[in-house]
Amino acid sequence: MRWDPDFAKRTTMKAVLDELIPEFEVRLGGSTSVDITKRGIDKAYGIHKLRDILGVAIEEMVFIGDALFPGGNDYPAKQAGVTSIQVRDPEETKRVIETLLACLGGARR
């Protein structure tokens, strides 16, 4: 059984948190998570850091997430321009990664 599959409980929590801590960003994801970060520190920020530090072009990245919809905690990664794959749960994430690796034939940069 999922705790909040329709986001109703967390949407209420988010509204309260948005009022209490306006200096932070509150995003919802999956069926249980609530991400609270400093404004501007989100998955797009992480994508840009990977690009800058590792030298990997955003066009070469793939992001896998369950909350790629507007307002979801994975949406900033999609907005950053990364090819994004929507999944339902950790098991599907595992299958997607295994499939990508099989298609790449173990190729490395």
PDB file of N, CA and C in Angstrom:
ATOM      1  N   MET A   1       0.844  -1.184   0.000  1.00  0.00           N
ATOM      2  CA  MET A   1       0.000   0.000   0.000  1.00  0.00           C
ATOM      3  C   MET A   1       0.887   1.246   0.000  1.00  0.00           C
ATOM      4  N   ARG A   2       0.544   2.181  -0.818  1.00  0.00           N
ATOM      5  CA  ARG A   2       1.318   3.407  -0.916  1.00  0.00           C
ATOM      6  C   ARG A   2       0.737   4.450   0.033  1.00  0.00           C
ATOM      7  N   TRP A   3       1.641   5.225   0.632  1.00  0.00           N
ATOM      8  CA  TRP A   3       1.241   6.181   1.654  1.00  0.00           C
ATOM      9  C   TRP A   3       0.441   7.353   1.087  1.00  0.00           C
ATOM     10  N   ASP A   4       0.865   7.883  -0.045  1.00  0.00           N
ATOM     11  CA  ASP A   4       0.212   9.079  -0.583  1.00  0.00           C
ATOM     12  C   ASP A   4       0.239   9.063  -2.111  1.00  0.00           C
ATOM     13  N   PRO A   5      -0.387   8.048  -2.731  1.00  0.00           N
ATOM     14  CA  PRO A   5      -0.267   7.896  -4.182  1.00  0.00           C
ATOM     15  C   PRO A   5      -0.875   9.029  -4.993  1.00  0.00           C
ATOM     16  N   ASP A   6      -1.839   9.752  -4.433  1.00  0.00           N
ATOM     17  CA  ASP A   6      -2.477  10.841  -5.182  1.00  0.00           C
ATOM     18  C   ASP A   6      -1.949  12.219  -4.778  1.00  0.00           C
ATOM     19  N   PHE A   7      -0.891  12.251  -3.955  1.00  0.00           N
ATOM     20  CA  PHE A   7      -0.217  13.487  -3.542  1.00  0.00           C
ATOM     21  C   PHE A   7      -1.067  14.374  -2.621  1.00  0.00           C
ATOM     22  N   ALA A   8      -2.227  13.942  -2.207  1.00  0.00           N
ATOM     23  CA  ALA A   8      -3.126  14.781  -1.409  1.00  0.00           C
ATOM     24  C   ALA A   8      -2.501  15.195  -0.077  1.00  0.00           C
ATOM     25  N   LYS A   9      -1.921  14.243   0.645  1.00  0.00           N
ATOM     26  CA  LYS A   9      -1.329  14.560   1.953  1.00  0.00           C
ATOM     27  C   LYS A   9      -0.131  15.485   1.797  1.00  0.00           C
ATOM     28  N   ARG A  10       0.740  15.156   0.824  1.00  0.00           N
ATOM     29  CA  ARG A  10       1.955  15.955   0.660  1.00  0.00           C
ATOM     30  C   ARG A  10       1.677  17.322   0.052  1.00  0.00           C
ATOM     31  N   THR A  11       0.622  17.451  -0.731  1.00  0.00           N
ATOM     32  CA  THR A  11       0.261  18.763  -1.273  1.00  0.00           C
ATOM     33  C   THR A  11      -0.129  19.692  -0.129  1.00  0.00           C
ATOM     34  N   THR A  12      -0.858  19.152   0.833  1.00  0.00           N
ATOM     35  CA  THR A  12      -1.224  19.936   2.022  1.00  0.00           C
ATOM     36  C   THR A  12       0.031  20.305   2.818  1.00  0.00           C
ATOM     37  N   MET A  13       0.931  19.327   2.983  1.00  0.00           N
ATOM     38  CA  MET A  13       2.189  19.591   3.703  1.00  0.00           C
ATOM     39  C   MET A  13       2.995  20.670   2.980  1.00  0.00           C
ATOM     40  N   LYS A  14       3.078  20.581   1.652  1.00  0.00           N
ATOM     41  CA  LYS A  14       3.837  21.539   0.864  1.00  0.00           C
ATOM     42  C   LYS A  14       3.285  22.952   1.047  1.00  0.00           C
ATOM     43  N   ALA A  15       1.968  23.092   1.033  1.00  0.00           N
ATOM     44  CA  ALA A  15       1.350  24.411   1.204  1.00  0.00           C
ATOM     45  C   ALA A  15       1.739  25.027   2.553  1.00  0.00           C
ATOM     46  N   VAL A  16       1.728  24.218   3.595  1.00  0.00           N
ATOM     47  CA  VAL A  16       2.114  24.700   4.928  1.00  0.00           C
ATOM     48  C   VAL A  16       3.601  25.066   4.945  1.00  0.00           C
ATOM     49  N   LEU A  17       4.446  24.198   4.393  1.00  0.00           N
ATOM     50  CA  LEU A  17       5.891  24.439   4.380  1.00  0.00           C
ATOM     51  C   LEU A  17       6.250  25.661   3.529  1.00  0.00           C
ATOM     52  N   ASP A  18       5.552  25.858   2.414  1.00  0.00           N
ATOM     53  CA  ASP A  18       5.801  27.037   1.583  1.00  0.00           C
ATOM     54  C   ASP A  18       5.582  28.326   2.376  1.00  0.00           C
ATOM     55  N   GLU A  19       4.609  28.316   3.243  1.00  0.00           N
ATOM     56  CA  GLU A  19       4.331  29.480   4.095  1.00  0.00           C
ATOM     57  C   GLU A  19       5.346  29.621   5.231  1.00  0.00           C
ATOM     58  N   LEU A  20       5.705  28.500   5.847  1.00  0.00           N
ATOM     59  CA  LEU A  20       6.606  28.523   7.004  1.00  0.00           C
ATOM     60  C   LEU A  20       8.065  28.794   6.645  1.00  0.00           C
ATOM     61  N   ILE A  21       8.502  28.285   5.492  1.00  0.00           N
ATOM     62  CA  ILE A  21       9.918  28.417   5.115  1.00  0.00           C
ATOM     63  C   ILE A  21      10.038  28.882   3.651  1.00  0.00           C
ATOM     64  N   PRO A  22       9.616  30.126   3.372  1.00  0.00           N
ATOM     65  CA  PRO A  22       9.594  30.605   1.990  1.00  0.00           C
ATOM     66  C   PRO A  22      10.983  30.716   1.344  1.00  0.00           C
ATOM     67  N   GLU A  23      12.023  30.701   2.150  1.00  0.00           N
ATOM     68  CA  GLU A  23      13.378  30.781   1.591  1.00  0.00           C
ATOM     69  C   GLU A  23      13.851  29.448   1.019  1.00  0.00           C
ATOM     70  N   PHE A  24      13.056  28.405   1.194  1.00  0.00           N
ATOM     71  CA  PHE A  24      13.388  27.076   0.687  1.00  0.00           C
ATOM     72  C   PHE A  24      12.419  26.672  -0.416  1.00  0.00           C
ATOM     73  N   GLU A  25      12.875  25.763  -1.251  1.00  0.00           N
ATOM     74  CA  GLU A  25      12.044  25.168  -2.301  1.00  0.00           C
ATOM     75  C   GLU A  25      11.522  23.835  -1.780  1.00  0.00           C
ATOM     76  N   VAL A  26      10.230  23.608  -1.913  1.00  0.00           N
ATOM     77  CA  VAL A  26       9.616  22.347  -1.490  1.00  0.00           C
ATOM     78  C   VAL A  26       9.049  21.675  -2.740  1.00  0.00           C
ATOM     79  N   ARG A  27       9.543  20.465  -3.026  1.00  0.00           N
ATOM     80  CA  ARG A  27       9.088  19.723  -4.203  1.00  0.00           C
ATOM     81  C   ARG A  27       8.653  18.323  -3.781  1.00  0.00           C
ATOM     82  N   LEU A  28       7.678  17.791  -4.516  1.00  0.00           N
ATOM     83  CA  LEU A  28       7.147  16.469  -4.229  1.00  0.00           C
ATOM     84  C   LEU A  28       7.616  15.492  -5.303  1.00  0.00           C
ATOM     85  N   GLY A  29       7.768  14.232  -4.912  1.00  0.00           N
ATOM     86  CA  GLY A  29       8.167  13.222  -5.881  1.00  0.00           C
ATOM     87  C   GLY A  29       7.709  11.843  -5.447  1.00  0.00           C
ATOM     88  N   GLY A  30       7.616  10.945  -6.409  1.00  0.00           N
ATOM     89  CA  GLY A  30       7.245   9.575  -6.097  1.00  0.00           C
ATOM     90  C   GLY A  30       5.941   9.509  -5.328  1.00  0.00           C
ATOM     91  N   SER A  31       5.860   8.544  -4.433  1.00  0.00           N
ATOM     92  CA  SER A  31       4.639   8.416  -3.630  1.00  0.00           C
ATOM     93  C   SER A  31       4.873   8.759  -2.168  1.00  0.00           C
ATOM     94  N   THR A  32       6.123   9.088  -1.808  1.00  0.00           N
ATOM     95  CA  THR A  32       6.395   9.372  -0.395  1.00  0.00           C
ATOM     96  C   THR A  32       7.292  10.574  -0.159  1.00  0.00           C
ATOM     97  N   SER A  33       8.052  11.021  -1.127  1.00  0.00           N
ATOM     98  CA  SER A  33       9.106  11.988  -0.823  1.00  0.00           C
ATOM     99  C   SER A  33       8.641  13.443  -0.857  1.00  0.00           C
ATOM    100  N   VAL A  34       9.304  14.222  -0.026  1.00  0.00           N
ATOM    101  CA  VAL A  34       9.189  15.672  -0.004  1.00  0.00           C
ATOM    102  C   VAL A  34      10.621  16.186   0.057  1.00  0.00           C
ATOM    103  N   ASP A  35      11.057  16.882  -0.991  1.00  0.00           N
ATOM    104  CA  ASP A  35      12.411  17.433  -1.029  1.00  0.00           C
ATOM    105  C   ASP A  35      12.365  18.880  -0.574  1.00  0.00           C
ATOM    106  N   ILE A  36      13.237  19.240   0.350  1.00  0.00           N
ATOM    107  CA  ILE A  36      13.339  20.621   0.815  1.00  0.00           C
ATOM    108  C   ILE A  36      14.793  21.036   0.640  1.00  0.00           C
ATOM    109  N   THR A  37      15.008  22.045  -0.200  1.00  0.00           N
ATOM    110  CA  THR A  37      16.364  22.513  -0.486  1.00  0.00           C
ATOM    111  C   THR A  37      16.384  24.031  -0.507  1.00  0.00           C
ATOM    112  N   LYS A  38      17.595  24.580  -0.435  1.00  0.00           N
ATOM    113  CA  LYS A  38      17.731  26.016  -0.655  1.00  0.00           C
ATOM    114  C   LYS A  38      17.277  26.310  -2.073  1.00  0.00           C
ATOM    115  N   ARG A  39      16.673  27.464  -2.282  1.00  0.00           N
ATOM    116  CA  ARG A  39      16.223  27.835  -3.627  1.00  0.00           C
ATOM    117  C   ARG A  39      17.400  27.771  -4.593  1.00  0.00           C
ATOM    118  N   GLY A  40      17.150  27.184  -5.747  1.00  0.00           N
ATOM    119  CA  GLY A  40      18.184  27.080  -6.763  1.00  0.00           C
ATOM    120  C   GLY A  40      19.074  25.857  -6.633  1.00  0.00           C
ATOM    121  N   ILE A  41      18.971  25.144  -5.512  1.00  0.00           N
ATOM    122  CA  ILE A  41      19.756  23.919  -5.326  1.00  0.00           C
ATOM    123  C   ILE A  41      18.804  22.747  -5.560  1.00  0.00           C
ATOM    124  N   ASP A  42      18.738  22.319  -6.802  1.00  0.00           N
ATOM    125  CA  ASP A  42      17.838  21.235  -7.167  1.00  0.00           C
ATOM    126  C   ASP A  42      18.552  20.315  -8.147  1.00  0.00           C
ATOM    127  N   LYS A  43      17.828  19.458  -8.805  1.00  0.00           N
ATOM    128  CA  LYS A  43      18.470  18.488  -9.694  1.00  0.00           C
ATOM    129  C   LYS A  43      19.053  19.153 -10.939  1.00  0.00           C
ATOM    130  N   ALA A  44      18.516  20.284 -11.365  1.00  0.00           N
ATOM    131  CA  ALA A  44      19.134  21.025 -12.476  1.00  0.00           C
ATOM    132  C   ALA A  44      20.500  21.550 -12.036  1.00  0.00           C
ATOM    133  N   TYR A  45      20.582  22.032 -10.824  1.00  0.00           N
ATOM    134  CA  TYR A  45      21.861  22.491 -10.264  1.00  0.00           C
ATOM    135  C   TYR A  45      22.868  21.339 -10.288  1.00  0.00           C
ATOM    136  N   GLY A  46      22.425  20.152  -9.864  1.00  0.00           N
ATOM    137  CA  GLY A  46      23.302  18.982  -9.861  1.00  0.00           C
ATOM    138  C   GLY A  46      23.742  18.591 -11.265  1.00  0.00           C
ATOM    139  N   ILE A  47      22.845  18.672 -12.214  1.00  0.00           N
ATOM    140  CA  ILE A  47      23.173  18.362 -13.614  1.00  0.00           C
ATOM    141  C   ILE A  47      24.251  19.319 -14.116  1.00  0.00           C
ATOM    142  N   HIS A  48      24.087  20.593 -13.823  1.00  0.00           N
ATOM    143  CA  HIS A  48      25.082  21.582 -14.265  1.00  0.00           C
ATOM    144  C   HIS A  48      26.429  21.384 -13.570  1.00  0.00           C
ATOM    145  N   LYS A  49      26.406  20.977 -12.313  1.00  0.00           N
ATOM    146  CA  LYS A  49      27.662  20.675 -11.608  1.00  0.00           C
ATOM    147  C   LYS A  49      28.367  19.483 -12.244  1.00  0.00           C
ATOM    148  N   LEU A  50      27.609  18.426 -12.581  1.00  0.00           N
ATOM    149  CA  LEU A  50      28.201  17.273 -13.263  1.00  0.00           C
ATOM    150  C   LEU A  50      28.844  17.706 -14.579  1.00  0.00           C
ATOM    151  N   ARG A  51      28.139  18.540 -15.321  1.00  0.00           N
ATOM    152  CA  ARG A  51      28.682  19.046 -16.583  1.00  0.00           C
ATOM    153  C   ARG A  51      29.992  19.785 -16.356  1.00  0.00           C
ATOM    154  N   ASP A  52      29.988  20.683 -15.375  1.00  0.00           N
ATOM    155  CA  ASP A  52      31.154  21.528 -15.131  1.00  0.00           C
ATOM    156  C   ASP A  52      32.336  20.753 -14.553  1.00  0.00           C
ATOM    157  N   ILE A  53      32.073  19.880 -13.609  1.00  0.00           N
ATOM    158  CA  ILE A  53      33.161  19.174 -12.918  1.00  0.00           C
ATOM    159  C   ILE A  53      33.670  17.982 -13.732  1.00  0.00           C
ATOM    160  N   LEU A  54      32.752  17.208 -14.316  1.00  0.00           N
ATOM    161  CA  LEU A  54      33.161  16.002 -15.046  1.00  0.00           C
ATOM    162  C   LEU A  54      33.372  16.245 -16.538  1.00  0.00           C
ATOM    163  N   GLY A  55      32.897  17.387 -17.015  1.00  0.00           N
ATOM    164  CA  GLY A  55      33.056  17.688 -18.427  1.00  0.00           C
ATOM    165  C   GLY A  55      32.164  16.869 -19.337  1.00  0.00           C
ATOM    166  N   VAL A  56      31.033  16.416 -18.821  1.00  0.00           N
ATOM    167  CA  VAL A  56      30.083  15.649 -19.625  1.00  0.00           C
ATOM    168  C   VAL A  56      29.009  16.603 -20.126  1.00  0.00           C
ATOM    169  N   ALA A  57      28.817  16.628 -21.437  1.00  0.00           N
ATOM    170  CA  ALA A  57      27.798  17.505 -22.018  1.00  0.00           C
ATOM    171  C   ALA A  57      26.404  17.050 -21.594  1.00  0.00           C
ATOM    172  N   ILE A  58      25.526  17.996 -21.361  1.00  0.00           N
ATOM    173  CA  ILE A  58      24.149  17.680 -20.970  1.00  0.00           C
ATOM    174  C   ILE A  58      23.496  16.784 -22.024  1.00  0.00           C
ATOM    175  N   GLU A  59      23.838  16.992 -23.287  1.00  0.00           N
ATOM    176  CA  GLU A  59      23.276  16.182 -24.369  1.00  0.00           C
ATOM    177  C   GLU A  59      23.706  14.723 -24.271  1.00  0.00           C
ATOM    178  N   GLU A  60      24.752  14.430 -23.537  1.00  0.00           N
ATOM    179  CA  GLU A  60      25.230  13.048 -23.369  1.00  0.00           C
ATOM    180  C   GLU A  60      24.658  12.388 -22.116  1.00  0.00           C
ATOM    181  N   MET A  61      23.933  13.118 -21.309  1.00  0.00           N
ATOM    182  CA  MET A  61      23.402  12.597 -20.049  1.00  0.00           C
ATOM    183  C   MET A  61      22.016  11.994 -20.250  1.00  0.00           C
ATOM    184  N   VAL A  62      21.668  11.072 -19.355  1.00  0.00           N
ATOM    185  CA  VAL A  62      20.326  10.512 -19.276  1.00  0.00           C
ATOM    186  C   VAL A  62      19.906  10.581 -17.809  1.00  0.00           C
ATOM    187  N   PHE A  63      18.710  11.063 -17.562  1.00  0.00           N
ATOM    188  CA  PHE A  63      18.172  11.148 -16.208  1.00  0.00           C
ATOM    189  C   PHE A  63      16.966  10.224 -16.119  1.00  0.00           C
ATOM    190  N   ILE A  64      16.894   9.458 -15.050  1.00  0.00           N
ATOM    191  CA  ILE A  64      15.785   8.535 -14.833  1.00  0.00           C
ATOM    192  C   ILE A  64      15.092   8.948 -13.543  1.00  0.00           C
ATOM    193  N   GLY A  65      13.784   9.211 -13.620  1.00  0.00           N
ATOM    194  CA  GLY A  65      13.074   9.656 -12.426  1.00  0.00           C
ATOM    195  C   GLY A  65      11.591   9.343 -12.475  1.00  0.00           C
ATOM    196  N   ASP A  66      10.964   9.440 -11.321  1.00  0.00           N
ATOM    197  CA  ASP A  66       9.539   9.136 -11.228  1.00  0.00           C
ATOM    198  C   ASP A  66       8.672  10.378 -11.080  1.00  0.00           C
ATOM    199  N   ALA A  67       9.280  11.555 -11.042  1.00  0.00           N
ATOM    200  CA  ALA A  67       8.501  12.779 -10.844  1.00  0.00           C
ATOM    201  C   ALA A  67       8.960  13.851 -11.834  1.00  0.00           C
ATOM    202  N   LEU A  68       8.845  13.542 -13.119  1.00  0.00           N
ATOM    203  CA  LEU A  68       9.306  14.442 -14.173  1.00  0.00           C
ATOM    204  C   LEU A  68       8.252  15.469 -14.587  1.00  0.00           C
ATOM    205  N   PHE A  69       7.151  15.518 -13.879  1.00  0.00           N
ATOM    206  CA  PHE A  69       6.053  16.431 -14.171  1.00  0.00           C
ATOM    207  C   PHE A  69       6.321  17.797 -13.532  1.00  0.00           C
ATOM    208  N   PRO A  70       5.718  18.867 -14.064  1.00  0.00           N
ATOM    209  CA  PRO A  70       5.899  20.194 -13.458  1.00  0.00           C
ATOM    210  C   PRO A  70       5.579  20.161 -11.964  1.00  0.00           C
ATOM    211  N   GLY A  71       6.496  20.662 -11.153  1.00  0.00           N
ATOM    212  CA  GLY A  71       6.348  20.654  -9.701  1.00  0.00           C
ATOM    213  C   GLY A  71       6.961  19.438  -9.048  1.00  0.00           C
ATOM    214  N   GLY A  72       7.260  18.391  -9.826  1.00  0.00           N
ATOM    215  CA  GLY A  72       7.879  17.187  -9.282  1.00  0.00           C
ATOM    216  C   GLY A  72       9.347  17.420  -8.979  1.00  0.00           C
ATOM    217  N   ASN A  73       9.891  16.649  -8.049  1.00  0.00           N
ATOM    218  CA  ASN A  73      11.273  16.872  -7.636  1.00  0.00           C
ATOM    219  C   ASN A  73      12.288  16.510  -8.715  1.00  0.00           C
ATOM    220  N   ASP A  74      11.891  15.766  -9.740  1.00  0.00           N
ATOM    221  CA  ASP A  74      12.790  15.434 -10.845  1.00  0.00           C
ATOM    222  C   ASP A  74      12.648  16.400 -12.024  1.00  0.00           C
ATOM    223  N   TYR A  75      11.630  17.219 -12.026  1.00  0.00           N
ATOM    224  CA  TYR A  75      11.348  18.115 -13.144  1.00  0.00           C
ATOM    225  C   TYR A  75      12.502  19.067 -13.476  1.00  0.00           C
ATOM    226  N   PRO A  76      13.208  19.607 -12.479  1.00  0.00           N
ATOM    227  CA  PRO A  76      14.326  20.492 -12.823  1.00  0.00           C
ATOM    228  C   PRO A  76      15.388  19.831 -13.702  1.00  0.00           C
ATOM    229  N   ALA A  77      15.614  18.547 -13.539  1.00  0.00           N
ATOM    230  CA  ALA A  77      16.577  17.842 -14.390  1.00  0.00           C
ATOM    231  C   ALA A  77      16.077  17.842 -15.832  1.00  0.00           C
ATOM    232  N   LYS A  78      14.817  17.579 -16.015  1.00  0.00           N
ATOM    233  CA  LYS A  78      14.226  17.588 -17.355  1.00  0.00           C
ATOM    234  C   LYS A  78      14.327  18.989 -17.956  1.00  0.00           C
ATOM    235  N   GLN A  79      14.030  20.009 -17.152  1.00  0.00           N
ATOM    236  CA  GLN A  79      14.115  21.386 -17.624  1.00  0.00           C
ATOM    237  C   GLN A  79      15.542  21.774 -18.008  1.00  0.00           C
ATOM    238  N   ALA A  80      16.523  21.129 -17.415  1.00  0.00           N
ATOM    239  CA  ALA A  80      17.932  21.428 -17.723  1.00  0.00           C
ATOM    240  C   ALA A  80      18.322  20.905 -19.104  1.00  0.00           C
ATOM    241  N   GLY A  81      17.451  20.123 -19.722  1.00  0.00           N
ATOM    242  CA  GLY A  81      17.715  19.652 -21.065  1.00  0.00           C
ATOM    243  C   GLY A  81      18.250  18.241 -21.162  1.00  0.00           C
ATOM    244  N   VAL A  82      18.295  17.538 -20.048  1.00  0.00           N
ATOM    245  CA  VAL A  82      18.771  16.164 -20.041  1.00  0.00           C
ATOM    246  C   VAL A  82      17.688  15.251 -20.632  1.00  0.00           C
ATOM    247  N   THR A  83      18.102  14.290 -21.451  1.00  0.00           N
ATOM    248  CA  THR A  83      17.168  13.273 -21.904  1.00  0.00           C
ATOM    249  C   THR A  83      16.646  12.572 -20.654  1.00  0.00           C
ATOM    250  N   SER A  84      15.331  12.550 -20.490  1.00  0.00           N
ATOM    251  CA  SER A  84      14.735  12.046 -19.248  1.00  0.00           C
ATOM    252  C   SER A  84      13.805  10.881 -19.531  1.00  0.00           C
ATOM    253  N   ILE A  85      13.879   9.874 -18.676  1.00  0.00           N
ATOM    254  CA  ILE A  85      13.046   8.684 -18.798  1.00  0.00           C
ATOM    255  C   ILE A  85      12.193   8.562 -17.542  1.00  0.00           C
ATOM    256  N   GLN A  86      10.880   8.561 -17.744  1.00  0.00           N
ATOM    257  CA  GLN A  86       9.927   8.426 -16.640  1.00  0.00           C
ATOM    258  C   GLN A  86       9.842   6.967 -16.200  1.00  0.00           C
ATOM    259  N   VAL A  87       9.916   6.728 -14.891  1.00  0.00           N
ATOM    260  CA  VAL A  87       9.752   5.383 -14.328  1.00  0.00           C
ATOM    261  C   VAL A  87       8.723   5.427 -13.204  1.00  0.00           C
ATOM    262  N   ARG A  88       8.279   4.230 -12.794  1.00  0.00           N
ATOM    263  CA  ARG A  88       7.286   4.130 -11.717  1.00  0.00           C
ATOM    264  C   ARG A  88       7.910   3.940 -10.350  1.00  0.00           C
ATOM    265  N   ASP A  89       9.014   3.179 -10.302  1.00  0.00           N
ATOM    266  CA  ASP A  89       9.535   2.767  -9.000  1.00  0.00           C
ATOM    267  C   ASP A  89      10.995   2.326  -9.143  1.00  0.00           C
ATOM    268  N   PRO A  90      11.646   2.010  -8.034  1.00  0.00           N
ATOM    269  CA  PRO A  90      13.056   1.588  -8.096  1.00  0.00           C
ATOM    270  C   PRO A  90      13.293   0.365  -8.976  1.00  0.00           C
ATOM    271  N   GLU A  91      12.358  -0.574  -8.972  1.00  0.00           N
ATOM    272  CA  GLU A  91      12.540  -1.778  -9.791  1.00  0.00           C
ATOM    273  C   GLU A  91      12.553  -1.434 -11.277  1.00  0.00           C
ATOM    274  N   GLU A  92      11.662  -0.551 -11.680  1.00  0.00           N
ATOM    275  CA  GLU A  92      11.658  -0.133 -13.085  1.00  0.00           C
ATOM    276  C   GLU A  92      12.920   0.667 -13.412  1.00  0.00           C
ATOM    277  N   THR A  93      13.392   1.454 -12.469  1.00  0.00           N
ATOM    278  CA  THR A  93      14.648   2.190 -12.663  1.00  0.00           C
ATOM    279  C   THR A  93      15.782   1.204 -12.942  1.00  0.00           C
ATOM    280  N   LYS A  94      15.841   0.144 -12.155  1.00  0.00           N
ATOM    281  CA  LYS A  94      16.874  -0.876 -12.341  1.00  0.00           C
ATOM    282  C   LYS A  94      16.789  -1.483 -13.738  1.00  0.00           C
ATOM    283  N   ARG A  95      15.576  -1.812 -14.181  1.00  0.00           N
ATOM    284  CA  ARG A  95      15.404  -2.415 -15.513  1.00  0.00           C
ATOM    285  C   ARG A  95      15.819  -1.449 -16.618  1.00  0.00           C
ATOM    286  N   VAL A  96      15.498  -0.184 -16.474  1.00  0.00           N
ATOM    287  CA  VAL A  96      15.879   0.816 -17.482  1.00  0.00           C
ATOM    288  C   VAL A  96      17.398   0.932 -17.559  1.00  0.00           C
ATOM    289  N   ILE A  97      18.055   0.993 -16.405  1.00  0.00           N
ATOM    290  CA  ILE A  97      19.524   1.095 -16.393  1.00  0.00           C
ATOM    291  C   ILE A  97      20.149  -0.150 -17.016  1.00  0.00           C
ATOM    292  N   GLU A  98      19.653  -1.317 -16.647  1.00  0.00           N
ATOM    293  CA  GLU A  98      20.179  -2.556 -17.234  1.00  0.00           C
ATOM    294  C   GLU A  98      19.996  -2.574 -18.750  1.00  0.00           C
ATOM    295  N   THR A  99      18.859  -2.093 -19.221  1.00  0.00           N
ATOM    296  CA  THR A  99      18.595  -2.050 -20.657  1.00  0.00           C
ATOM    297  C   THR A  99      19.534  -1.069 -21.355  1.00  0.00           C
ATOM    298  N   LEU A 100      19.711   0.102 -20.769  1.00  0.00           N
ATOM    299  CA  LEU A 100      20.623   1.080 -21.361  1.00  0.00           C
ATOM    300  C   LEU A 100      22.036   0.521 -21.446  1.00  0.00           C
ATOM    301  N   LEU A 101      22.494  -0.113 -20.379  1.00  0.00           N
ATOM    302  CA  LEU A 101      23.842  -0.685 -20.380  1.00  0.00           C
ATOM    303  C   LEU A 101      23.970  -1.803 -21.420  1.00  0.00           C
ATOM    304  N   ALA A 102      22.947  -2.623 -21.545  1.00  0.00           N
ATOM    305  CA  ALA A 102      22.982  -3.691 -22.543  1.00  0.00           C
ATOM    306  C   ALA A 102      23.033  -3.117 -23.948  1.00  0.00           C
ATOM    307  N   CYS A 103      22.263  -2.055 -24.194  1.00  0.00           N
ATOM    308  CA  CYS A 103      22.261  -1.427 -25.514  1.00  0.00           C
ATOM    309  C   CYS A 103      23.602  -0.776 -25.838  1.00  0.00           C
ATOM    310  N   LEU A 104      24.247  -0.255 -24.813  1.00  0.00           N
ATOM    311  CA  LEU A 104      25.552   0.369 -25.012  1.00  0.00           C
ATOM    312  C   LEU A 104      26.656  -0.681 -25.116  1.00  0.00           C
ATOM    313  N   GLY A 105      26.354  -1.909 -24.769  1.00  0.00           N
ATOM    314  CA  GLY A 105      27.326  -2.991 -24.858  1.00  0.00           C
ATOM    315  C   GLY A 105      28.503  -2.802 -23.935  1.00  0.00           C
ATOM    316  N   GLY A 106      28.264  -2.115 -22.812  1.00  0.00           N
ATOM    317  CA  GLY A 106      29.371  -1.893 -21.871  1.00  0.00           C
ATOM    318  C   GLY A 106      30.335  -0.830 -22.338  1.00  0.00           C
ATOM    319  N   ALA A 107      29.983  -0.067 -23.389  1.00  0.00           N
ATOM    320  CA  ALA A 107      30.876   0.980 -23.903  1.00  0.00           C
ATOM    321  C   ALA A 107      31.149   2.019 -22.828  1.00  0.00           C
ATOM    322  N   ARG A 108      32.386   2.459 -22.782  1.00  0.00           N
ATOM    323  CA  ARG A 108      32.792   3.475 -21.803  1.00  0.00           C
ATOM    324  C   ARG A 108      33.372   4.659 -22.540  1.00  0.00           C
ATOM    325  N   ARG A 109      33.290   5.810 -21.892  1.00  0.00           N
ATOM    326  CA  ARG A 109      33.882   7.037 -22.446  1.00  0.00           C
ATOM    327  C   ARG A 109      35.359   6.955 -22.421  1.00  0.00           C
TER     328      ARG A 109
END
